[in-house]
Protein backbone atom coordinates (compact mmCIF):
# COMPACT_ATOMS: atom_id res chain seq x y z
CA ILE A 1 -106.24 200.22 14.60
CA SER A 2 -102.76 199.06 15.44
CA ALA A 3 -100.69 196.09 14.38
CA ASN A 4 -97.49 194.65 15.75
CA PRO A 5 -94.94 193.21 13.33
CA ALA A 6 -95.88 189.95 11.65
CA HIS A 7 -94.28 186.88 13.16
CA PRO A 8 -92.29 185.03 12.15
CA ASN A 9 -90.82 187.38 9.60
CA PRO A 10 -89.01 186.32 7.47
CA PHE A 11 -91.04 183.12 7.18
CA ALA A 12 -91.03 179.89 5.19
CA GLU A 13 -94.47 178.32 5.76
CA ILE A 14 -96.88 180.68 7.55
CA THR A 15 -96.83 184.06 9.22
CA THR A 16 -99.28 185.78 11.55
CA VAL A 17 -100.32 189.43 11.27
CA PRO A 18 -101.64 190.63 14.65
CA ILE A 19 -104.30 193.36 14.65
CA GLU A 20 -105.66 195.39 17.56
CA LEU A 21 -108.95 197.24 17.05
CA GLY A 22 -110.00 200.04 19.37
CA GLU A 23 -113.56 199.73 18.08
CA ALA A 24 -115.57 197.25 16.06
CA SER A 25 -115.00 197.86 12.37
CA THR A 26 -115.15 196.48 8.86
CA VAL A 27 -111.66 195.17 8.18
CA GLU A 28 -109.77 194.03 5.11
CA VAL A 29 -106.36 192.38 5.27
CA ALA A 30 -104.78 191.79 1.86
CA ILE A 31 -101.37 190.72 0.58
CA TYR A 32 -99.72 192.60 -2.29
CA ASP A 33 -96.53 191.90 -4.22
CA VAL A 34 -93.90 194.63 -4.58
CA GLN A 35 -95.42 195.67 -7.94
CA GLY A 36 -98.69 196.49 -6.14
CA ARG A 37 -100.70 193.53 -7.43
CA LYS A 38 -103.11 191.99 -4.95
CA ILE A 39 -102.05 188.40 -4.29
CA ARG A 40 -104.71 187.40 -1.78
CA THR A 41 -107.39 188.78 0.52
CA LEU A 42 -106.89 187.13 3.91
CA ARG A 43 -109.80 188.71 5.75
CA ALA A 44 -112.73 190.89 4.70
CA GLY A 45 -115.60 191.59 7.02
CA HIS A 46 -116.63 192.88 10.40
CA LEU A 47 -114.37 192.35 13.44
CA THR A 48 -115.09 193.15 17.06
CA ILE A 49 -113.03 195.37 19.33
CA GLY A 50 -109.83 193.77 20.61
CA HIS A 51 -107.00 191.55 19.44
CA HIS A 52 -107.18 189.45 16.26
CA ALA A 53 -104.62 187.39 14.36
CA VAL A 54 -104.68 186.85 10.60
CA ILE A 55 -102.57 184.03 9.18
CA TRP A 56 -101.05 183.88 5.71
CA ASP A 57 -99.91 180.50 4.43
CA GLY A 58 -97.90 181.95 1.53
CA ARG A 59 -100.53 181.07 -1.07
CA ASP A 60 -102.30 183.26 -3.61
CA GLU A 61 -106.07 183.46 -4.26
CA GLY A 62 -105.87 180.40 -6.52
CA GLY A 63 -104.16 178.29 -3.85
CA GLU A 64 -100.80 178.37 -5.60
CA GLN A 65 -97.64 178.87 -3.57
CA ALA A 66 -96.30 182.42 -3.92
CA SER A 67 -92.63 182.92 -4.81
CA SER A 68 -89.94 183.79 -2.31
CA GLY A 69 -89.59 187.53 -1.87
CA ALA A 70 -91.03 190.62 -0.24
CA TYR A 71 -94.77 191.23 0.12
CA VAL A 72 -96.88 193.90 1.78
CA ALA A 73 -99.79 193.20 4.10
CA VAL A 74 -102.29 196.07 3.90
CA ILE A 75 -104.64 196.30 6.85
CA ARG A 76 -107.68 198.56 6.43
CA ALA A 77 -110.18 199.24 9.20
CA GLY A 78 -112.75 201.95 8.59
CA LYS A 79 -110.76 204.92 7.26
CA ALA A 80 -107.45 203.77 8.79
CA GLU A 81 -104.77 201.86 6.88
CA LEU A 82 -101.55 200.19 8.01
CA THR A 83 -98.93 198.28 6.05
CA ARG A 84 -96.51 195.59 7.13
CA THR A 85 -93.67 194.18 5.02
CA LEU A 86 -93.46 190.38 4.91
CA VAL A 87 -90.52 188.38 3.59
CA MET A 88 -91.06 184.81 2.42
CA ILE A 89 -87.98 182.59 2.11
CA ARG A 90 -88.45 179.17 0.50
């Protein structure tokens, strides 16, 4: 698994987290606040080998707009895990 930086970042409306898988895998992409609380699961399930893009619209699981600030995207594929810092500016 590899992931380039999210773009745009910082962002105001949406940001895209690119993911590259070297093999098909079960993947979870989740957003956490800086206190470690899960804000939203963006993707959970099986993805094929290759390039994928996961979009976050700045909303939490309940559909409410998250506050401006720093967040962490955690990307898990099989036993691998990557993190990317996201900054939302409203």
